[in-house]
Amino acid sequence: MAASGIPEPSSSHAIQAMGMATAMLKYINSVKISHSKKLNIRIGMHCGSLVAGIIGKKKFVYDLWGDTVNIASRLESSGEPGKINISKQMMKKIKGNYQFERRGMKEYKGIGKLETYLVLID
């Protein structure tokens, strides 16, 4: 899980997060491993409000909560390996900088229907 624009808000948080996501995919694709299986990841992205903070008494953890976090998690788990699956809200924040393939409306457990897109990467 990663987040951008916290604790200090940034007007370019979505572009920064997408830059990291595309760099991660490009790196994973460049890794050569000795066995026959290809290393792969799925990425799901959404933008919106969330709650962030430090929890714990002995071991401290910076954690994130809220619908935005849950939606991003669902987008990741329902995504395709080697692809970036994003919500319509995220697409609106980064359009003009990236190209997309519309996946259409999909039902997500505990969330409802969302319009989703795959980010097209060179």
C-alpha atoms as a PDB file:
ATOM      1  CA  MET A   1       0.000   0.000   0.000  1.00  0.00           C
ATOM      2  CA  ALA A   2       1.287   3.435  -0.899  1.00  0.00           C
ATOM      3  CA  ALA A   3      -0.244   6.891  -0.636  1.00  0.00           C
ATOM      4  CA  SER A   4       0.626  10.273  -2.088  1.00  0.00           C
ATOM      5  CA  GLY A   5      -0.304  13.737  -0.879  1.00  0.00           C
ATOM      6  CA  ILE A   6      -0.009  12.919   2.834  1.00  0.00           C
ATOM      7  CA  PRO A   7       0.785  14.257   5.346  1.00  0.00           C
ATOM      8  CA  GLU A   8       1.284  17.375   3.196  1.00  0.00           C
ATOM      9  CA  PRO A   9      -1.350  17.859   0.476  1.00  0.00           C
ATOM     10  CA  SER A  10      -0.023  18.099  -3.075  1.00  0.00           C
ATOM     11  CA  SER A  11      -1.936  19.175  -6.156  1.00  0.00           C
ATOM     12  CA  SER A  12       0.159  16.702  -8.176  1.00  0.00           C
ATOM     13  CA  HIS A  13      -0.389  13.698  -5.871  1.00  0.00           C
ATOM     14  CA  ALA A  14      -2.118  11.602  -8.549  1.00  0.00           C
ATOM     15  CA  ILE A  15       0.602  12.239 -11.154  1.00  0.00           C
ATOM     16  CA  GLN A  16       3.299  11.450  -8.562  1.00  0.00           C
ATOM     17  CA  ALA A  17       1.592   8.198  -7.565  1.00  0.00           C
ATOM     18  CA  MET A  18       1.127   7.165 -11.203  1.00  0.00           C
ATOM     19  CA  GLY A  19       4.786   7.926 -11.897  1.00  0.00           C
ATOM     20  CA  MET A  20       5.747   5.565  -9.086  1.00  0.00           C
ATOM     21  CA  ALA A  21       3.338   2.873 -10.315  1.00  0.00           C
ATOM     22  CA  THR A  22       4.655   2.966 -13.882  1.00  0.00           C
ATOM     23  CA  ALA A  23       8.265   2.912 -12.625  1.00  0.00           C
ATOM     24  CA  MET A  24       7.460  -0.149 -10.488  1.00  0.00           C
ATOM     25  CA  LEU A  25       5.987  -2.005 -13.478  1.00  0.00           C
ATOM     26  CA  LYS A  26       8.912  -1.112 -15.723  1.00  0.00           C
ATOM     27  CA  TYR A  27      11.371  -2.301 -13.075  1.00  0.00           C
ATOM     28  CA  ILE A  28       9.497  -5.583 -12.485  1.00  0.00           C
ATOM     29  CA  ASN A  29       9.502  -6.204 -16.246  1.00  0.00           C
ATOM     30  CA  SER A  30      13.274  -5.644 -16.390  1.00  0.00           C
ATOM     31  CA  VAL A  31      14.112  -8.119 -13.598  1.00  0.00           C
ATOM     32  CA  LYS A  32      15.606 -11.344 -14.908  1.00  0.00           C
ATOM     33  CA  ILE A  33      15.143 -14.419 -12.731  1.00  0.00           C
ATOM     34  CA  SER A  34      16.625 -17.845 -13.229  1.00  0.00           C
ATOM     35  CA  HIS A  35      13.471 -19.966 -13.020  1.00  0.00           C
ATOM     36  CA  SER A  36      10.758 -20.067 -15.661  1.00  0.00           C
ATOM     37  CA  LYS A  37       8.124 -17.997 -13.842  1.00  0.00           C
ATOM     38  CA  LYS A  38       7.970 -14.291 -14.616  1.00  0.00           C
ATOM     39  CA  LEU A  39       7.875 -11.870 -11.694  1.00  0.00           C
ATOM     40  CA  ASN A  40       4.687  -9.789 -11.822  1.00  0.00           C
ATOM     41  CA  ILE A  41       2.554  -7.371  -9.809  1.00  0.00           C
ATOM     42  CA  ARG A  42      -0.951  -5.905  -9.965  1.00  0.00           C
ATOM     43  CA  ILE A  43      -1.571  -2.259  -9.115  1.00  0.00           C
ATOM     44  CA  GLY A  44      -4.905  -0.692  -8.154  1.00  0.00           C
ATOM     45  CA  MET A  45      -5.290   3.060  -7.705  1.00  0.00           C
ATOM     46  CA  HIS A  46      -8.012   5.380  -6.465  1.00  0.00           C
ATOM     47  CA  CYS A  47      -7.957   8.925  -5.112  1.00  0.00           C
ATOM     48  CA  GLY A  48     -10.016  10.526  -2.401  1.00  0.00           C
ATOM     49  CA  SER A  49     -10.179  11.308   1.283  1.00  0.00           C
ATOM     50  CA  LEU A  50      -8.723   9.016   3.905  1.00  0.00           C
ATOM     51  CA  VAL A  51      -7.582   8.951   7.506  1.00  0.00           C
ATOM     52  CA  ALA A  52      -3.895   8.413   8.238  1.00  0.00           C
ATOM     53  CA  GLY A  53      -2.089   8.101  11.521  1.00  0.00           C
ATOM     54  CA  ILE A  54       0.315   6.297  13.784  1.00  0.00           C
ATOM     55  CA  ILE A  55      -1.036   3.410  15.850  1.00  0.00           C
ATOM     56  CA  GLY A  56       0.528   1.125  18.428  1.00  0.00           C
ATOM     57  CA  LYS A  57       1.903   1.144  21.964  1.00  0.00           C
ATOM     58  CA  LYS A  58       5.180  -0.751  21.596  1.00  0.00           C
ATOM     59  CA  LYS A  59       5.557  -1.059  17.845  1.00  0.00           C
ATOM     60  CA  PHE A  60       4.373   1.972  15.918  1.00  0.00           C
ATOM     61  CA  VAL A  61       2.828   1.737  12.462  1.00  0.00           C
ATOM     62  CA  TYR A  62       1.736   4.515  10.120  1.00  0.00           C
ATOM     63  CA  ASP A  63      -1.570   3.256   8.716  1.00  0.00           C
ATOM     64  CA  LEU A  64      -4.333   4.357   6.339  1.00  0.00           C
ATOM     65  CA  TRP A  65      -8.106   3.866   6.660  1.00  0.00           C
ATOM     66  CA  GLY A  66     -11.260   4.707   4.759  1.00  0.00           C
ATOM     67  CA  ASP A  67     -13.271   4.056   1.624  1.00  0.00           C
ATOM     68  CA  THR A  68     -10.440   5.338  -0.585  1.00  0.00           C
ATOM     69  CA  VAL A  69      -8.097   2.698   0.842  1.00  0.00           C
ATOM     70  CA  ASN A  70     -10.726  -0.047   0.479  1.00  0.00           C
ATOM     71  CA  ILE A  71     -11.470   0.902  -3.132  1.00  0.00           C
ATOM     72  CA  ALA A  72      -7.767   0.938  -4.064  1.00  0.00           C
ATOM     73  CA  SER A  73      -7.393  -2.498  -2.473  1.00  0.00           C
ATOM     74  CA  ARG A  74     -10.352  -3.903  -4.426  1.00  0.00           C
ATOM     75  CA  LEU A  75      -8.993  -2.429  -7.665  1.00  0.00           C
ATOM     76  CA  GLU A  76      -5.646  -4.115  -7.038  1.00  0.00           C
ATOM     77  CA  SER A  77      -7.120  -7.511  -6.189  1.00  0.00           C
ATOM     78  CA  SER A  78      -9.405  -7.490  -9.252  1.00  0.00           C
ATOM     79  CA  GLY A  79      -6.732  -6.193 -11.608  1.00  0.00           C
ATOM     80  CA  GLU A  80      -4.668  -8.002 -14.199  1.00  0.00           C
ATOM     81  CA  PRO A  81      -1.040  -8.958 -13.540  1.00  0.00           C
ATOM     82  CA  GLY A  82       1.328  -6.405 -15.038  1.00  0.00           C
ATOM     83  CA  LYS A  83      -1.411  -3.754 -15.329  1.00  0.00           C
ATOM     84  CA  ILE A  84      -2.569  -0.654 -13.465  1.00  0.00           C
ATOM     85  CA  ASN A  85      -6.307  -0.750 -12.724  1.00  0.00           C
ATOM     86  CA  ILE A  86      -7.729   2.661 -11.767  1.00  0.00           C
ATOM     87  CA  SER A  87     -11.028   4.246 -10.800  1.00  0.00           C
ATOM     88  CA  LYS A  88     -12.788   6.931 -12.819  1.00  0.00           C
ATOM     89  CA  GLN A  89     -11.807   9.474 -10.136  1.00  0.00           C
ATOM     90  CA  MET A  90      -8.124   8.624 -10.611  1.00  0.00           C
ATOM     91  CA  MET A  91      -8.482   8.719 -14.405  1.00  0.00           C
ATOM     92  CA  LYS A  92      -9.879  12.263 -14.210  1.00  0.00           C
ATOM     93  CA  LYS A  93      -6.861  13.393 -12.161  1.00  0.00           C
ATOM     94  CA  ILE A  94      -4.261  12.047 -14.604  1.00  0.00           C
ATOM     95  CA  LYS A  95      -5.974  12.347 -18.014  1.00  0.00           C
ATOM     96  CA  GLY A  96      -3.905  14.295 -20.497  1.00  0.00           C
ATOM     97  CA  ASN A  97      -0.790  12.625 -19.097  1.00  0.00           C
ATOM     98  CA  TYR A  98      -1.698   8.972 -19.746  1.00  0.00           C
ATOM     99  CA  GLN A  99      -3.873   6.918 -22.077  1.00  0.00           C
ATOM    100  CA  PHE A 100      -6.517   4.466 -20.900  1.00  0.00           C
ATOM    101  CA  GLU A 101      -8.571   1.469 -21.856  1.00  0.00           C
ATOM    102  CA  ARG A 102     -12.069   1.521 -20.374  1.00  0.00           C
ATOM    103  CA  ARG A 103     -12.918  -1.691 -18.495  1.00  0.00           C
ATOM    104  CA  GLY A 104     -16.501  -0.638 -17.849  1.00  0.00           C
ATOM    105  CA  MET A 105     -18.646  -0.935 -14.759  1.00  0.00           C
ATOM    106  CA  LYS A 106     -17.796  -3.653 -12.288  1.00  0.00           C
ATOM    107  CA  GLU A 107     -19.351  -4.682  -8.981  1.00  0.00           C
ATOM    108  CA  TYR A 108     -16.997  -4.621  -5.981  1.00  0.00           C
ATOM    109  CA  LYS A 109     -17.744  -6.372  -2.699  1.00  0.00           C
ATOM    110  CA  GLY A 110     -18.705  -3.881  -0.006  1.00  0.00           C
ATOM    111  CA  ILE A 111     -18.415  -0.942  -2.410  1.00  0.00           C
ATOM    112  CA  GLY A 112     -20.908  -1.295  -5.258  1.00  0.00           C
ATOM    113  CA  LYS A 113     -20.416  -0.546  -8.951  1.00  0.00           C
ATOM    114  CA  LEU A 114     -17.391   1.413 -10.142  1.00  0.00           C
ATOM    115  CA  GLU A 115     -16.264   2.451 -13.593  1.00  0.00           C
ATOM    116  CA  THR A 116     -12.663   1.334 -14.056  1.00  0.00           C
ATOM    117  CA  TYR A 117      -9.835   1.800 -16.541  1.00  0.00           C
ATOM    118  CA  LEU A 118      -6.496   0.202 -17.358  1.00  0.00           C
ATOM    119  CA  VAL A 119      -3.583   2.589 -17.810  1.00  0.00           C
ATOM    120  CA  LEU A 120      -1.813   1.982 -21.127  1.00  0.00           C
ATOM    121  CA  ILE A 121       1.950   1.947 -20.690  1.00  0.00           C
ATOM    122  CA  ASP A 122       4.526   1.938 -23.480  1.00  0.00           C
END
